[in-house]
Amino acid sequence: MFTGIVEELGRVRSLEHGSDGRDAVLVIEAALVTSDTRHGASIAVDGVCLTVTAHDDGAFTADVMPQTLRMTTLGALRPGSPVNLERAMPAAGRLDGHVVQGHVDGSATLVSRTPGPRWDELTFTLPEHLRKYVAPQGAVALSGVSLTVTHVTDDGFGVALIPTTLAATTLGGLAPGDQVNVEVDVLAKYVERMLGQR
């Protein structure tokens, strides 16, 4: 489990697709998250929970399965691409963001960006099947960043990025047309599931 509080901006060293192109091996350079990592550890990469399969001084390797490539933006990464990184939350840790599983539900597309005095307001479109899970003042994770929804539109939602988020995550460099990984609030999905079973 994660919190959506990015610990480090890593850099993609390589993304090598398998012989049939359906899966891939991802290598990421990161000083902080590899300082105490181990084989089998979970690291959120742009909001996607990946398992460390190898690591050395300053880099780690993870396998990326076909479903992950289909449902996330990881397949579009290139050497040098920045990625948001977060280690799994320790059981005694503070939940500073919100409950984030690293199970991406789909992608959202940035449609507009309005700079403010010290923050930016961003509006995204969202696939129709995910819109019902997003509520004003609710939680959403975008590329692994825990954010509060500022408003809901007919086809998406908006968020505001504070200076720290702009400087310390990949969201600061987004331009209209760019896509981000989205994980909607897991509690909303469970409530829907339970109500549907009644």
N, C-alpha and C. Protein backbone atom coordinates (compact mmCIF):
# COMPACT_ATOMS: atom_id res chain seq x y z
N MET A 1 0.84 -1.18 0.00
CA MET A 1 0.00 0.00 0.00
C MET A 1 0.88 1.24 0.00
N PHE A 2 0.36 2.30 -0.64
CA PHE A 2 1.09 3.56 -0.76
C PHE A 2 0.20 4.69 -0.26
N THR A 3 0.76 5.90 -0.25
CA THR A 3 0.01 7.05 0.23
C THR A 3 -0.16 8.13 -0.82
N GLY A 4 0.53 8.02 -1.94
CA GLY A 4 0.46 9.05 -2.96
C GLY A 4 1.35 10.24 -2.67
N ILE A 5 2.30 10.08 -1.74
CA ILE A 5 3.27 11.13 -1.46
C ILE A 5 4.59 10.72 -2.12
N VAL A 6 4.93 11.37 -3.21
CA VAL A 6 6.10 11.00 -4.00
C VAL A 6 7.36 11.27 -3.19
N GLU A 7 8.26 10.27 -3.17
CA GLU A 7 9.50 10.40 -2.42
C GLU A 7 10.66 10.88 -3.28
N GLU A 8 10.60 10.55 -4.57
CA GLU A 8 11.75 10.84 -5.42
C GLU A 8 11.33 10.83 -6.88
N LEU A 9 11.97 11.67 -7.68
CA LEU A 9 11.85 11.60 -9.13
C LEU A 9 12.97 10.71 -9.65
N GLY A 10 12.60 9.57 -10.21
CA GLY A 10 13.59 8.70 -10.80
C GLY A 10 13.71 8.97 -12.28
N ARG A 11 14.65 8.29 -12.92
CA ARG A 11 14.86 8.40 -14.36
C ARG A 11 14.91 7.01 -14.97
N VAL A 12 14.23 6.84 -16.08
CA VAL A 12 14.25 5.55 -16.77
C VAL A 12 15.61 5.34 -17.41
N ARG A 13 16.23 4.21 -17.06
CA ARG A 13 17.47 3.83 -17.72
C ARG A 13 17.17 3.07 -18.99
N SER A 14 16.20 2.15 -18.91
CA SER A 14 15.83 1.39 -20.11
C SER A 14 14.44 0.78 -19.93
N LEU A 15 13.78 0.54 -21.04
CA LEU A 15 12.52 -0.22 -21.09
C LEU A 15 12.64 -1.16 -22.28
N GLU A 16 12.84 -2.44 -21.98
CA GLU A 16 13.05 -3.42 -23.03
C GLU A 16 11.84 -4.33 -23.12
N HIS A 17 11.18 -4.32 -24.29
CA HIS A 17 10.01 -5.15 -24.50
C HIS A 17 10.43 -6.59 -24.79
N GLY A 18 9.56 -7.53 -24.38
CA GLY A 18 9.81 -8.93 -24.63
C GLY A 18 9.76 -9.25 -26.10
N SER A 19 10.10 -10.49 -26.44
CA SER A 19 10.20 -10.89 -27.85
C SER A 19 8.88 -10.73 -28.59
N ASP A 20 7.74 -10.90 -27.88
CA ASP A 20 6.45 -10.73 -28.54
C ASP A 20 5.86 -9.33 -28.32
N GLY A 21 6.58 -8.48 -27.60
CA GLY A 21 6.15 -7.10 -27.40
C GLY A 21 5.06 -6.93 -26.37
N ARG A 22 4.65 -8.01 -25.70
CA ARG A 22 3.52 -7.91 -24.79
C ARG A 22 3.92 -7.53 -23.37
N ASP A 23 5.16 -7.82 -22.99
CA ASP A 23 5.61 -7.46 -21.65
C ASP A 23 6.92 -6.68 -21.79
N ALA A 24 7.48 -6.25 -20.64
CA ALA A 24 8.70 -5.47 -20.71
C ALA A 24 9.47 -5.58 -19.40
N VAL A 25 10.74 -5.21 -19.46
CA VAL A 25 11.60 -5.10 -18.28
C VAL A 25 12.01 -3.64 -18.18
N LEU A 26 11.74 -3.04 -17.02
CA LEU A 26 11.97 -1.62 -16.79
C LEU A 26 13.11 -1.45 -15.78
N VAL A 27 14.07 -0.61 -16.12
CA VAL A 27 15.17 -0.29 -15.20
C VAL A 27 15.12 1.21 -14.91
N ILE A 28 15.11 1.55 -13.61
CA ILE A 28 14.97 2.94 -13.19
C ILE A 28 16.11 3.33 -12.27
N GLU A 29 16.70 4.48 -12.56
CA GLU A 29 17.74 5.03 -11.71
C GLU A 29 17.09 5.86 -10.61
N ALA A 30 17.44 5.56 -9.35
CA ALA A 30 16.85 6.26 -8.21
C ALA A 30 17.73 6.04 -6.99
N ALA A 31 18.22 7.11 -6.40
CA ALA A 31 19.13 6.98 -5.26
C ALA A 31 18.39 6.66 -3.97
N LEU A 32 17.30 7.39 -3.69
CA LEU A 32 16.62 7.24 -2.41
C LEU A 32 15.92 5.90 -2.27
N VAL A 33 15.07 5.56 -3.23
CA VAL A 33 14.26 4.34 -3.07
C VAL A 33 15.10 3.08 -3.14
N THR A 34 16.30 3.15 -3.73
CA THR A 34 17.15 1.97 -3.77
C THR A 34 18.09 1.88 -2.56
N SER A 35 18.10 2.92 -1.73
CA SER A 35 19.02 2.93 -0.59
C SER A 35 18.73 1.82 0.41
N ASP A 36 17.46 1.40 0.51
CA ASP A 36 17.13 0.32 1.44
C ASP A 36 16.18 -0.70 0.82
N THR A 37 16.19 -0.79 -0.51
CA THR A 37 15.27 -1.72 -1.16
C THR A 37 15.82 -3.14 -1.10
N ARG A 38 14.98 -4.08 -1.43
CA ARG A 38 15.35 -5.49 -1.43
C ARG A 38 14.61 -6.18 -2.54
N HIS A 39 15.07 -7.37 -2.89
CA HIS A 39 14.38 -8.17 -3.90
C HIS A 39 12.96 -8.46 -3.42
N GLY A 40 11.97 -8.24 -4.28
CA GLY A 40 10.58 -8.48 -3.92
C GLY A 40 9.86 -7.29 -3.33
N ALA A 41 10.57 -6.19 -3.09
CA ALA A 41 9.92 -4.99 -2.54
C ALA A 41 8.98 -4.38 -3.56
N SER A 42 7.98 -3.65 -3.06
CA SER A 42 7.04 -2.95 -3.93
C SER A 42 7.41 -1.47 -4.02
N ILE A 43 7.47 -0.96 -5.24
CA ILE A 43 7.72 0.46 -5.47
C ILE A 43 6.67 0.95 -6.46
N ALA A 44 6.04 2.07 -6.14
CA ALA A 44 5.08 2.67 -7.06
C ALA A 44 5.85 3.52 -8.07
N VAL A 45 5.68 3.20 -9.35
CA VAL A 45 6.33 3.93 -10.44
C VAL A 45 5.23 4.63 -11.23
N ASP A 46 5.18 5.95 -11.12
CA ASP A 46 4.08 6.72 -11.73
C ASP A 46 2.73 6.14 -11.32
N GLY A 47 2.65 5.69 -10.06
CA GLY A 47 1.40 5.18 -9.53
C GLY A 47 1.14 3.72 -9.75
N VAL A 48 2.06 3.02 -10.42
CA VAL A 48 1.89 1.60 -10.72
C VAL A 48 2.74 0.79 -9.74
N CYS A 49 2.13 -0.11 -9.00
CA CYS A 49 2.87 -0.96 -8.07
C CYS A 49 3.67 -1.99 -8.85
N LEU A 50 5.00 -1.92 -8.74
CA LEU A 50 5.88 -2.87 -9.39
C LEU A 50 6.75 -3.57 -8.36
N THR A 51 7.16 -4.78 -8.67
CA THR A 51 7.98 -5.58 -7.77
C THR A 51 9.44 -5.52 -8.21
N VAL A 52 10.32 -5.22 -7.25
CA VAL A 52 11.75 -5.15 -7.54
C VAL A 52 12.27 -6.57 -7.80
N THR A 53 12.83 -6.79 -8.99
CA THR A 53 13.38 -8.10 -9.34
C THR A 53 14.90 -8.12 -9.25
N ALA A 54 15.50 -6.93 -9.28
CA ALA A 54 16.95 -6.81 -9.13
C ALA A 54 17.25 -5.37 -8.75
N HIS A 55 18.37 -5.16 -8.09
CA HIS A 55 18.77 -3.79 -7.76
C HIS A 55 20.27 -3.74 -7.55
N ASP A 56 20.83 -2.57 -7.81
CA ASP A 56 22.23 -2.33 -7.53
C ASP A 56 22.34 -0.93 -6.97
N ASP A 57 23.52 -0.42 -6.91
CA ASP A 57 23.73 0.90 -6.34
C ASP A 57 23.10 1.96 -7.25
N GLY A 58 21.91 2.43 -6.85
CA GLY A 58 21.30 3.54 -7.56
C GLY A 58 20.32 3.18 -8.65
N ALA A 59 19.95 1.91 -8.81
CA ALA A 59 18.97 1.54 -9.83
C ALA A 59 18.24 0.27 -9.42
N PHE A 60 17.02 0.10 -9.94
CA PHE A 60 16.28 -1.14 -9.70
C PHE A 60 15.59 -1.57 -10.99
N THR A 61 15.29 -2.87 -11.04
CA THR A 61 14.66 -3.48 -12.20
C THR A 61 13.32 -4.05 -11.80
N ALA A 62 12.33 -3.95 -12.70
CA ALA A 62 11.01 -4.51 -12.45
C ALA A 62 10.44 -5.05 -13.75
N ASP A 63 9.67 -6.13 -13.65
CA ASP A 63 8.95 -6.66 -14.80
C ASP A 63 7.63 -5.92 -14.95
N VAL A 64 7.24 -5.69 -16.19
CA VAL A 64 5.97 -5.02 -16.48
C VAL A 64 5.12 -5.98 -17.32
N MET A 65 4.02 -6.43 -16.74
CA MET A 65 3.18 -7.43 -17.37
C MET A 65 2.30 -6.84 -18.48
N PRO A 66 1.74 -7.70 -19.36
CA PRO A 66 0.91 -7.21 -20.45
C PRO A 66 -0.25 -6.31 -20.01
N GLN A 67 -0.97 -6.72 -18.94
CA GLN A 67 -2.10 -5.90 -18.50
C GLN A 67 -1.65 -4.52 -18.06
N THR A 68 -0.50 -4.46 -17.40
CA THR A 68 0.03 -3.17 -16.95
C THR A 68 0.36 -2.29 -18.14
N LEU A 69 0.95 -2.86 -19.17
CA LEU A 69 1.26 -2.07 -20.37
C LEU A 69 -0.02 -1.58 -21.06
N ARG A 70 -1.08 -2.40 -21.02
CA ARG A 70 -2.35 -2.01 -21.66
C ARG A 70 -3.06 -0.90 -20.89
N MET A 71 -3.00 -0.94 -19.56
CA MET A 71 -3.82 -0.05 -18.74
C MET A 71 -3.12 1.20 -18.25
N THR A 72 -1.81 1.30 -18.45
CA THR A 72 -1.06 2.43 -17.90
C THR A 72 -0.25 3.13 -18.98
N THR A 73 0.44 4.17 -18.57
CA THR A 73 1.30 4.92 -19.49
C THR A 73 2.74 4.41 -19.50
N LEU A 74 3.03 3.34 -18.77
CA LEU A 74 4.43 2.88 -18.66
C LEU A 74 5.03 2.48 -20.01
N GLY A 75 4.22 1.96 -20.90
CA GLY A 75 4.74 1.54 -22.20
C GLY A 75 5.28 2.67 -23.04
N ALA A 76 4.91 3.90 -22.72
CA ALA A 76 5.38 5.06 -23.48
C ALA A 76 6.66 5.66 -22.91
N LEU A 77 7.17 5.09 -21.82
CA LEU A 77 8.40 5.62 -21.22
C LEU A 77 9.59 5.40 -22.15
N ARG A 78 10.55 6.32 -22.08
CA ARG A 78 11.77 6.25 -22.86
C ARG A 78 12.96 6.48 -21.94
N PRO A 79 14.17 6.07 -22.34
CA PRO A 79 15.34 6.38 -21.51
C PRO A 79 15.41 7.87 -21.21
N GLY A 80 15.59 8.18 -19.94
CA GLY A 80 15.64 9.57 -19.50
C GLY A 80 14.33 10.11 -19.01
N SER A 81 13.22 9.40 -19.27
CA SER A 81 11.91 9.87 -18.80
C SER A 81 11.90 9.94 -17.28
N PRO A 82 11.38 11.05 -16.72
CA PRO A 82 11.24 11.11 -15.26
C PRO A 82 10.01 10.33 -14.82
N VAL A 83 10.09 9.72 -13.64
CA VAL A 83 8.96 8.97 -13.08
C VAL A 83 8.84 9.27 -11.59
N ASN A 84 7.60 9.34 -11.11
CA ASN A 84 7.34 9.52 -9.69
C ASN A 84 7.55 8.18 -8.98
N LEU A 85 8.25 8.21 -7.86
CA LEU A 85 8.55 6.98 -7.12
C LEU A 85 8.12 7.10 -5.67
N GLU A 86 7.57 6.01 -5.15
CA GLU A 86 7.22 5.93 -3.73
C GLU A 86 7.41 4.49 -3.27
N ARG A 87 8.10 4.33 -2.13
CA ARG A 87 8.21 3.01 -1.52
C ARG A 87 6.91 2.69 -0.79
N ALA A 88 6.66 1.40 -0.58
CA ALA A 88 5.47 0.99 0.16
C ALA A 88 5.50 1.59 1.56
N MET A 89 4.31 1.92 2.08
CA MET A 89 4.21 2.54 3.40
C MET A 89 4.44 1.50 4.49
N PRO A 90 5.31 1.81 5.46
CA PRO A 90 5.47 0.88 6.58
C PRO A 90 4.21 0.85 7.44
N ALA A 91 3.98 -0.26 8.12
CA ALA A 91 2.75 -0.41 8.91
C ALA A 91 2.60 0.67 9.97
N ALA A 92 3.72 1.17 10.49
CA ALA A 92 3.66 2.20 11.53
C ALA A 92 3.80 3.61 10.96
N GLY A 93 3.74 3.73 9.63
CA GLY A 93 3.93 5.04 9.00
C GLY A 93 2.68 5.90 9.03
N ARG A 94 2.87 7.18 8.73
CA ARG A 94 1.75 8.11 8.65
C ARG A 94 1.11 8.04 7.26
N LEU A 95 -0.20 8.10 7.23
CA LEU A 95 -0.93 8.12 5.96
C LEU A 95 -1.13 9.58 5.58
N ASP A 96 -0.09 10.18 5.00
CA ASP A 96 -0.13 11.61 4.70
C ASP A 96 -0.99 11.95 3.50
N GLY A 97 -1.16 11.04 2.57
CA GLY A 97 -1.99 11.30 1.40
C GLY A 97 -3.34 10.63 1.58
N HIS A 98 -3.58 9.56 0.81
CA HIS A 98 -4.76 8.72 1.01
C HIS A 98 -4.38 7.29 0.64
N VAL A 99 -5.28 6.35 0.82
CA VAL A 99 -4.98 4.95 0.54
C VAL A 99 -4.84 4.77 -0.97
N VAL A 100 -3.63 4.43 -1.40
CA VAL A 100 -3.32 4.21 -2.80
C VAL A 100 -2.75 2.79 -2.92
N GLN A 101 -3.34 1.99 -3.79
CA GLN A 101 -2.90 0.60 -3.93
C GLN A 101 -1.84 0.39 -5.00
N GLY A 102 -1.74 1.32 -5.92
CA GLY A 102 -0.84 1.11 -7.04
C GLY A 102 -1.48 0.26 -8.13
N HIS A 103 -2.82 0.12 -8.06
CA HIS A 103 -3.58 -0.62 -9.06
C HIS A 103 -4.30 0.40 -9.94
N VAL A 104 -3.67 0.77 -11.03
CA VAL A 104 -4.17 1.84 -11.90
C VAL A 104 -5.45 1.40 -12.59
N ASP A 105 -6.43 2.32 -12.62
CA ASP A 105 -7.73 2.03 -13.22
C ASP A 105 -7.80 2.43 -14.69
N GLY A 106 -6.89 3.28 -15.14
CA GLY A 106 -6.91 3.75 -16.52
C GLY A 106 -6.07 5.01 -16.63
N SER A 107 -6.30 5.76 -17.69
CA SER A 107 -5.54 7.00 -17.87
C SER A 107 -6.49 8.17 -18.10
N ALA A 108 -6.00 9.35 -17.74
CA ALA A 108 -6.73 10.60 -17.96
C ALA A 108 -5.87 11.49 -18.85
N THR A 109 -6.52 12.37 -19.59
CA THR A 109 -5.81 13.25 -20.51
C THR A 109 -5.97 14.70 -20.05
N LEU A 110 -4.85 15.41 -19.95
CA LEU A 110 -4.89 16.82 -19.58
C LEU A 110 -5.47 17.63 -20.73
N VAL A 111 -6.52 18.40 -20.44
CA VAL A 111 -7.13 19.23 -21.48
C VAL A 111 -6.84 20.71 -21.30
N SER A 112 -6.60 21.15 -20.05
CA SER A 112 -6.26 22.55 -19.86
C SER A 112 -5.43 22.73 -18.60
N ARG A 113 -4.64 23.79 -18.63
CA ARG A 113 -3.76 24.12 -17.50
C ARG A 113 -3.78 25.63 -17.33
N THR A 114 -4.19 26.09 -16.15
CA THR A 114 -4.28 27.52 -15.87
C THR A 114 -3.34 27.87 -14.72
N PRO A 115 -2.29 28.64 -15.01
CA PRO A 115 -1.37 29.02 -13.93
C PRO A 115 -2.03 29.99 -12.95
N GLY A 116 -1.74 29.80 -11.68
CA GLY A 116 -2.17 30.72 -10.64
C GLY A 116 -0.98 31.45 -10.07
N PRO A 117 -1.16 32.29 -9.06
CA PRO A 117 -0.04 33.03 -8.48
C PRO A 117 1.07 32.10 -7.97
N ARG A 118 0.67 30.99 -7.32
CA ARG A 118 1.65 30.04 -6.79
C ARG A 118 1.26 28.60 -7.07
N TRP A 119 0.24 28.39 -7.84
CA TRP A 119 -0.24 27.04 -8.12
C TRP A 119 -0.77 26.99 -9.54
N ASP A 120 -1.02 25.79 -10.02
CA ASP A 120 -1.64 25.61 -11.34
C ASP A 120 -2.93 24.82 -11.16
N GLU A 121 -3.93 25.17 -11.95
CA GLU A 121 -5.18 24.42 -11.98
C GLU A 121 -5.20 23.60 -13.26
N LEU A 122 -5.42 22.29 -13.12
CA LEU A 122 -5.42 21.38 -14.25
C LEU A 122 -6.77 20.69 -14.38
N THR A 123 -7.23 20.54 -15.61
CA THR A 123 -8.48 19.84 -15.88
C THR A 123 -8.20 18.66 -16.81
N PHE A 124 -8.76 17.51 -16.44
CA PHE A 124 -8.53 16.27 -17.18
C PHE A 124 -9.84 15.69 -17.68
N THR A 125 -9.78 14.98 -18.81
CA THR A 125 -10.89 14.13 -19.21
C THR A 125 -10.61 12.74 -18.66
N LEU A 126 -11.69 11.99 -18.45
CA LEU A 126 -11.59 10.68 -17.81
C LEU A 126 -12.50 9.72 -18.56
N PRO A 127 -12.10 8.46 -18.74
CA PRO A 127 -13.00 7.50 -19.38
C PRO A 127 -14.33 7.43 -18.64
N GLU A 128 -15.40 7.26 -19.39
CA GLU A 128 -16.75 7.33 -18.83
C GLU A 128 -16.96 6.37 -17.67
N HIS A 129 -16.41 5.15 -17.75
CA HIS A 129 -16.66 4.16 -16.70
C HIS A 129 -16.01 4.53 -15.36
N LEU A 130 -15.09 5.50 -15.35
CA LEU A 130 -14.43 5.90 -14.11
C LEU A 130 -15.00 7.18 -13.50
N ARG A 131 -15.80 7.92 -14.24
CA ARG A 131 -16.27 9.23 -13.77
C ARG A 131 -17.10 9.15 -12.50
N LYS A 132 -17.85 8.08 -12.33
CA LYS A 132 -18.72 7.97 -11.16
C LYS A 132 -17.95 7.86 -9.85
N TYR A 133 -16.67 7.53 -9.92
CA TYR A 133 -15.86 7.37 -8.71
C TYR A 133 -15.18 8.67 -8.26
N VAL A 134 -15.33 9.73 -9.03
CA VAL A 134 -14.64 10.99 -8.72
C VAL A 134 -15.67 12.00 -8.23
N ALA A 135 -15.40 12.56 -7.04
CA ALA A 135 -16.32 13.51 -6.42
C ALA A 135 -15.57 14.76 -5.99
N PRO A 136 -16.24 15.92 -6.01
CA PRO A 136 -15.59 17.14 -5.51
C PRO A 136 -15.09 16.95 -4.08
N GLN A 137 -13.88 17.42 -3.83
CA GLN A 137 -13.20 17.29 -2.54
C GLN A 137 -12.82 15.84 -2.21
N GLY A 138 -13.01 14.94 -3.15
CA GLY A 138 -12.59 13.56 -2.97
C GLY A 138 -11.13 13.38 -3.33
N ALA A 139 -10.65 12.16 -3.18
CA ALA A 139 -9.25 11.84 -3.45
C ALA A 139 -9.10 11.14 -4.79
N VAL A 140 -7.99 11.43 -5.46
CA VAL A 140 -7.63 10.75 -6.70
C VAL A 140 -6.11 10.71 -6.75
N ALA A 141 -5.56 9.64 -7.34
CA ALA A 141 -4.11 9.56 -7.53
C ALA A 141 -3.81 9.69 -9.02
N LEU A 142 -2.99 10.66 -9.36
CA LEU A 142 -2.57 10.89 -10.75
C LEU A 142 -1.08 10.62 -10.86
N SER A 143 -0.72 9.61 -11.64
CA SER A 143 0.67 9.17 -11.76
C SER A 143 1.31 9.00 -10.39
N GLY A 144 0.52 8.47 -9.46
CA GLY A 144 1.03 8.17 -8.13
C GLY A 144 1.01 9.32 -7.14
N VAL A 145 0.44 10.46 -7.53
CA VAL A 145 0.39 11.64 -6.66
C VAL A 145 -1.00 11.78 -6.06
N SER A 146 -1.09 11.79 -4.74
CA SER A 146 -2.37 11.97 -4.05
C SER A 146 -2.83 13.41 -4.19
N LEU A 147 -4.03 13.60 -4.73
CA LEU A 147 -4.57 14.94 -4.96
C LEU A 147 -6.02 15.01 -4.54
N THR A 148 -6.47 16.23 -4.24
CA THR A 148 -7.86 16.49 -3.93
C THR A 148 -8.55 17.02 -5.18
N VAL A 149 -9.70 16.47 -5.50
CA VAL A 149 -10.48 16.91 -6.65
C VAL A 149 -11.10 18.28 -6.34
N THR A 150 -10.82 19.28 -7.16
CA THR A 150 -11.35 20.62 -6.92
C THR A 150 -12.73 20.81 -7.54
N HIS A 151 -12.96 20.16 -8.67
CA HIS A 151 -14.27 20.26 -9.32
C HIS A 151 -14.46 19.09 -10.28
N VAL A 152 -15.70 18.84 -10.61
CA VAL A 152 -16.05 17.76 -11.54
C VAL A 152 -16.72 18.39 -12.76
N THR A 153 -16.36 17.90 -13.95
CA THR A 153 -16.97 18.36 -15.19
C THR A 153 -17.81 17.23 -15.78
N ASP A 154 -18.47 17.49 -16.90
CA ASP A 154 -19.27 16.45 -17.54
C ASP A 154 -18.43 15.25 -17.97
N ASP A 155 -17.17 15.51 -18.35
CA ASP A 155 -16.35 14.41 -18.85
C ASP A 155 -15.03 14.22 -18.09
N GLY A 156 -14.93 14.83 -16.91
CA GLY A 156 -13.68 14.67 -16.16
C GLY A 156 -13.69 15.42 -14.84
N PHE A 157 -12.55 16.00 -14.49
CA PHE A 157 -12.40 16.62 -13.18
C PHE A 157 -11.20 17.57 -13.21
N GLY A 158 -11.08 18.35 -12.14
CA GLY A 158 -9.95 19.25 -12.01
C GLY A 158 -9.23 19.08 -10.69
N VAL A 159 -7.96 19.47 -10.66
CA VAL A 159 -7.14 19.47 -9.45
C VAL A 159 -6.31 20.75 -9.45
N ALA A 160 -5.78 21.10 -8.29
CA ALA A 160 -4.85 22.22 -8.18
C ALA A 160 -3.54 21.70 -7.63
N LEU A 161 -2.43 22.17 -8.21
CA LEU A 161 -1.11 21.71 -7.81
C LEU A 161 -0.37 22.80 -7.06
N ILE A 162 0.03 22.51 -5.82
CA ILE A 162 0.77 23.47 -5.01
C ILE A 162 2.22 23.51 -5.49
N PRO A 163 3.00 24.52 -5.08
CA PRO A 163 4.39 24.63 -5.54
C PRO A 163 5.22 23.37 -5.32
N THR A 164 5.06 22.71 -4.17
CA THR A 164 5.83 21.49 -3.91
C THR A 164 5.52 20.41 -4.93
N THR A 165 4.24 20.22 -5.26
CA THR A 165 3.85 19.21 -6.25
C THR A 165 4.38 19.57 -7.63
N LEU A 166 4.33 20.85 -7.97
CA LEU A 166 4.84 21.29 -9.27
C LEU A 166 6.33 21.01 -9.40
N ALA A 167 7.08 21.20 -8.30
CA ALA A 167 8.53 21.07 -8.36
C ALA A 167 9.01 19.63 -8.16
N ALA A 168 8.28 18.83 -7.37
CA ALA A 168 8.80 17.53 -6.94
C ALA A 168 8.19 16.33 -7.64
N THR A 169 7.29 16.55 -8.61
CA THR A 169 6.66 15.43 -9.32
C THR A 169 6.65 15.70 -10.82
N THR A 170 6.30 14.68 -11.59
CA THR A 170 6.23 14.84 -13.04
C THR A 170 5.04 15.69 -13.47
N LEU A 171 4.08 15.91 -12.57
CA LEU A 171 2.90 16.69 -12.93
C LEU A 171 3.25 18.13 -13.27
N GLY A 172 4.34 18.63 -12.73
CA GLY A 172 4.75 19.99 -13.02
C GLY A 172 5.08 20.23 -14.49
N GLY A 173 5.46 19.17 -15.20
CA GLY A 173 5.84 19.32 -16.60
C GLY A 173 4.78 18.91 -17.60
N LEU A 174 3.56 18.63 -17.14
CA LEU A 174 2.51 18.20 -18.05
C LEU A 174 2.05 19.31 -18.98
N ALA A 175 1.71 18.93 -20.20
CA ALA A 175 1.14 19.86 -21.18
C ALA A 175 -0.17 19.27 -21.69
N PRO A 176 -1.11 20.13 -22.15
CA PRO A 176 -2.37 19.60 -22.69
C PRO A 176 -2.11 18.50 -23.73
N GLY A 177 -2.87 17.43 -23.59
CA GLY A 177 -2.71 16.26 -24.45
C GLY A 177 -1.94 15.14 -23.79
N ASP A 178 -1.17 15.46 -22.74
CA ASP A 178 -0.43 14.43 -22.03
C ASP A 178 -1.37 13.55 -21.22
N GLN A 179 -0.99 12.30 -21.07
CA GLN A 179 -1.79 11.35 -20.29
C GLN A 179 -1.11 11.01 -18.98
N VAL A 180 -1.94 10.72 -17.96
CA VAL A 180 -1.45 10.31 -16.65
C VAL A 180 -2.19 9.05 -16.22
N ASN A 181 -1.53 8.27 -15.37
CA ASN A 181 -2.19 7.11 -14.77
C ASN A 181 -3.17 7.58 -13.71
N VAL A 182 -4.33 6.95 -13.66
CA VAL A 182 -5.36 7.32 -12.68
C VAL A 182 -5.71 6.12 -11.82
N GLU A 183 -5.70 6.35 -10.52
CA GLU A 183 -6.28 5.38 -9.60
C GLU A 183 -7.36 6.11 -8.82
N VAL A 184 -8.61 5.72 -9.02
CA VAL A 184 -9.71 6.36 -8.30
C VAL A 184 -9.74 5.83 -6.87
N ASP A 185 -10.54 6.45 -6.04
CA ASP A 185 -10.61 6.09 -4.63
C ASP A 185 -11.14 4.66 -4.48
N VAL A 186 -10.31 3.79 -3.89
CA VAL A 186 -10.67 2.38 -3.74
C VAL A 186 -11.91 2.22 -2.86
N LEU A 187 -12.12 3.12 -1.90
CA LEU A 187 -13.29 3.02 -1.04
C LEU A 187 -14.57 3.16 -1.84
N ALA A 188 -14.56 4.05 -2.84
CA ALA A 188 -15.75 4.24 -3.69
C ALA A 188 -16.05 2.96 -4.47
N LYS A 189 -15.02 2.28 -4.93
CA LYS A 189 -15.24 1.05 -5.69
C LYS A 189 -15.80 -0.06 -4.80
N TYR A 190 -15.32 -0.14 -3.57
CA TYR A 190 -15.83 -1.17 -2.66
C TYR A 190 -17.27 -0.88 -2.25
N VAL A 191 -17.60 0.38 -2.03
CA VAL A 191 -18.99 0.73 -1.68
C VAL A 191 -19.91 0.33 -2.82
N GLU A 192 -19.52 0.65 -4.06
CA GLU A 192 -20.34 0.28 -5.20
C GLU A 192 -20.52 -1.24 -5.27
N ARG A 193 -19.44 -1.97 -5.05
CA ARG A 193 -19.48 -3.42 -5.13
C ARG A 193 -20.42 -4.00 -4.06
N MET A 194 -20.32 -3.47 -2.85
CA MET A 194 -21.17 -3.97 -1.76
C MET A 194 -22.64 -3.65 -2.01
N LEU A 195 -22.92 -2.45 -2.47
CA LEU A 195 -24.31 -2.08 -2.76
C LEU A 195 -24.87 -2.90 -3.90
N GLY A 196 -24.02 -3.25 -4.84
CA GLY A 196 -24.47 -4.05 -5.97
C GLY A 196 -24.76 -5.49 -5.61
N GLN A 197 -24.21 -5.95 -4.48
CA GLN A 197 -24.45 -7.32 -4.05
C GLN A 197 -25.69 -7.48 -3.18
N ARG A 198 -26.33 -6.36 -2.84
CA ARG A 198 -27.50 -6.41 -1.97
C ARG A 198 -28.72 -6.91 -2.70
